Protein backbone atom coordinates (compact mmCIF):
# COMPACT_ATOMS: atom_id res chain seq x y z
CA UNK A 1 0.01 15.77 7.40
CA UNK A 2 2.48 13.63 5.44
CA UNK A 3 0.48 12.91 2.29
CA UNK A 4 2.29 15.52 0.25
CA UNK A 5 5.70 13.92 0.83
CA UNK A 6 5.29 10.24 1.72
CA UNK A 7 4.01 7.75 -0.84
CA UNK A 8 3.27 4.10 -0.14
CA UNK A 9 2.49 1.46 -2.74
CA UNK A 10 0.08 -1.05 -1.23
CA UNK A 11 0.31 -4.72 -2.24
CA UNK A 12 -2.84 -6.80 -2.72
CA UNK A 13 -2.15 -9.10 0.23
CA UNK A 14 -2.60 -6.20 2.65
CA UNK A 15 -5.91 -5.14 1.11
CA UNK A 16 -7.60 -8.54 1.07
CA UNK A 17 -8.50 -8.73 4.77
CA UNK A 18 -11.14 -6.25 5.90
CA UNK A 19 -9.40 -5.06 9.08
CA UNK A 20 -6.03 -4.15 7.56
CA UNK A 21 -7.73 -2.77 4.45
CA UNK A 22 -9.92 -0.50 6.55
CA UNK A 23 -7.00 0.67 8.70
CA UNK A 24 -4.80 1.44 5.69
CA UNK A 25 -7.54 3.19 3.76
CA UNK A 26 -8.57 5.23 6.80
CA UNK A 27 -4.97 6.43 7.26
CA UNK A 28 -4.76 7.29 3.56
CA UNK A 29 -8.09 9.11 3.67
CA UNK A 30 -6.82 11.11 6.66
CA UNK A 31 -3.79 12.02 4.48
CA UNK A 32 -1.15 10.31 6.59
CA UNK A 33 0.35 9.09 3.32
CA UNK A 34 -0.29 9.07 -0.41
CA UNK A 35 -1.83 5.75 -1.37
CA UNK A 36 -0.83 4.06 -4.62
CA UNK A 37 -1.81 0.78 -6.30
CA UNK A 38 -2.13 -0.63 -9.80
CA UNK A 39 -4.92 -2.27 -11.77
CA UNK A 40 -3.23 -5.64 -11.24
CA UNK A 41 -3.08 -5.07 -7.47
CA UNK A 42 -6.79 -4.19 -7.38
CA UNK A 43 -7.63 -7.23 -9.51
CA UNK A 44 -5.59 -9.46 -7.18
CA UNK A 45 -7.31 -7.84 -4.19
CA UNK A 46 -10.74 -8.47 -5.66
CA UNK A 47 -9.88 -12.12 -6.36
CA UNK A 48 -8.56 -12.60 -2.81
CA UNK A 49 -11.66 -11.01 -1.25
CA UNK A 50 -13.87 -13.18 -3.44
CA UNK A 51 -11.98 -16.32 -2.40
CA UNK A 52 -12.21 -15.46 1.32
CA UNK A 53 -15.93 -14.74 1.07
CA UNK A 54 -16.58 -17.91 -0.94
CA UNK A 55 -14.71 -19.96 1.68
CA UNK A 56 -17.07 -18.50 4.27
CA UNK A 57 -20.04 -19.65 2.18
CA UNK A 58 -21.11 -16.19 1.00
CA UNK A 59 -23.22 -16.80 -2.11
CA UNK A 60 -22.67 -13.42 -3.76
CA UNK A 61 -18.92 -13.37 -3.12
CA UNK A 62 -18.12 -12.23 -6.66
CA UNK A 63 -20.55 -9.31 -6.45
CA UNK A 64 -19.34 -8.24 -3.01
CA UNK A 65 -15.68 -8.40 -3.95
CA UNK A 66 -16.40 -6.42 -7.11
CA UNK A 67 -18.21 -3.75 -5.12
CA UNK A 68 -15.34 -3.59 -2.61
CA UNK A 69 -12.76 -3.06 -5.35
CA UNK A 70 -14.94 -0.50 -7.13
CA UNK A 71 -15.50 1.40 -3.87
CA UNK A 72 -11.75 1.52 -3.19
CA UNK A 73 -11.04 2.79 -6.68
CA UNK A 74 -13.78 5.42 -6.48
CA UNK A 75 -12.68 6.63 -3.05
CA UNK A 76 -9.03 7.00 -4.13
CA UNK A 77 -9.21 8.18 -7.72
CA UNK A 78 -5.59 9.39 -7.73
CA UNK A 79 -4.16 6.13 -6.38
CA UNK A 80 -3.94 4.25 -9.68
CA UNK A 81 -0.45 3.79 -11.13
CA UNK A 82 -0.27 2.84 -14.79
CA UNK A 83 2.29 2.67 -17.60
CA UNK A 84 4.98 1.10 -15.44
CA UNK A 85 5.96 -1.74 -17.76
CA UNK A 86 9.25 -0.05 -18.70
CA UNK A 87 10.35 -0.43 -15.05
CA UNK A 88 9.85 -4.20 -14.91
CA UNK A 89 13.21 -4.86 -16.58
CA UNK A 90 15.06 -3.39 -13.56
CA UNK A 91 13.20 -5.55 -11.04
CA UNK A 92 15.48 -8.58 -11.29
CA UNK A 93 16.42 -10.57 -8.24
CA UNK A 94 12.99 -10.96 -6.65
CA UNK A 95 12.27 -14.45 -5.28
CA UNK A 96 8.93 -14.41 -7.12
CA UNK A 97 9.22 -12.79 -10.56
CA UNK A 98 5.42 -12.38 -10.54
CA UNK A 99 5.92 -9.61 -7.97
CA UNK A 100 7.96 -7.46 -10.37
CA UNK A 101 4.82 -5.48 -11.24
CA UNK A 102 4.58 -4.30 -7.61
CA UNK A 103 8.16 -3.02 -7.57
CA UNK A 104 7.82 -1.50 -11.05
CA UNK A 105 4.67 0.40 -10.13
CA UNK A 106 6.24 1.57 -6.86
CA UNK A 107 9.24 2.87 -8.78
CA UNK A 108 7.04 4.62 -11.34
CA UNK A 109 5.16 6.50 -8.62
CA UNK A 110 8.34 7.16 -6.60
CA UNK A 111 6.98 5.42 -3.54
CA UNK A 112 9.16 5.32 -0.44
CA UNK A 113 7.77 2.01 0.74
CA UNK A 114 5.92 -1.08 -0.45
CA UNK A 115 3.38 -2.21 2.11
CA UNK A 116 3.13 -6.00 1.92
CA UNK A 117 2.69 -8.96 4.18
CA UNK A 118 4.79 -11.06 1.80
CA UNK A 119 8.07 -9.73 3.15
CA UNK A 120 10.07 -12.74 1.93
CA UNK A 121 9.15 -11.82 -1.66
CA UNK A 122 10.67 -8.33 -1.35
CA UNK A 123 14.22 -8.71 0.03
CA UNK A 124 15.83 -5.62 1.48
CA UNK A 125 19.01 -6.05 -0.60
CA UNK A 126 17.02 -5.99 -3.85
CA UNK A 127 14.75 -3.11 -2.85
CA UNK A 128 17.53 -1.09 -1.23
CA UNK A 129 19.39 -0.92 -4.54
CA UNK A 130 16.23 0.65 -5.98
CA UNK A 131 15.82 3.11 -3.09
CA UNK A 132 12.73 1.26 -1.83
CA UNK A 133 11.89 -0.68 1.28
CA UNK A 134 9.15 -3.10 2.20
CA UNK A 135 7.19 -3.00 5.43
CA UNK A 136 4.48 -5.27 6.72
CA UNK A 137 1.07 -3.69 7.05
CA UNK A 138 1.28 -3.89 10.85
CA UNK A 139 4.67 -2.17 10.94
CA UNK A 140 3.58 0.44 8.42
CA UNK A 141 0.43 1.28 10.40
CA UNK A 142 2.43 1.58 13.63
CA UNK A 143 5.15 3.67 11.93
CA UNK A 144 2.55 5.96 10.39
CA UNK A 145 1.04 6.69 13.78
CA UNK A 146 4.52 7.22 15.27
CA UNK A 147 5.51 9.68 12.53
CA UNK A 148 2.34 11.68 13.15
CA UNK A 149 2.91 11.71 16.92
CA UNK A 150 6.49 12.94 16.44
CA UNK A 151 5.31 15.62 14.03
CA UNK A 152 2.73 16.88 16.51
CA UNK A 153 5.31 16.84 19.32
CA UNK A 154 7.77 18.84 17.20
CA UNK A 155 5.10 21.40 16.35
CA UNK A 156 4.08 21.71 20.00
CA UNK A 157 7.71 21.92 21.13
CA UNK A 158 8.19 24.89 18.83
CA UNK A 159 5.12 26.53 20.31
CA UNK A 160 6.38 26.01 23.84
CA UNK A 161 9.80 27.39 22.98
CA UNK A 162 8.22 30.61 21.69
CA UNK A 163 6.38 31.20 24.93
């Protein structure tokens, strides 16, 4: 698969909703890509899950969101990126300076892409200068499936040519 050569840093906004979270984590578990996140991203994810559950009237929203974040961290022990503060100083030009930690952590782990649904907060001209790009979760999921299909086709084409 692609996990040994394609790294994606996942922003909290794409992990908050259950459907996208499950799709992304399933693709990562199947080794379509190397998943990366930071403590701050997991904390933001937990807070967003808690808020969504509380808005639905779930009484134990804090416990459930805590268990969800802990389960993600346990399932992907190698995903945590830390010690990226020295990269924050080169993350100027973002519309929301509070998103610098996402770019800094992506740079530290040498991610190829930041998966986010806040595309306006990660302009291509800023990320391009850092050799990064942002993709929405929907686009990333579709692209991941397309890359795998092309890889399988290329492998099969080589098999057919040998025959």
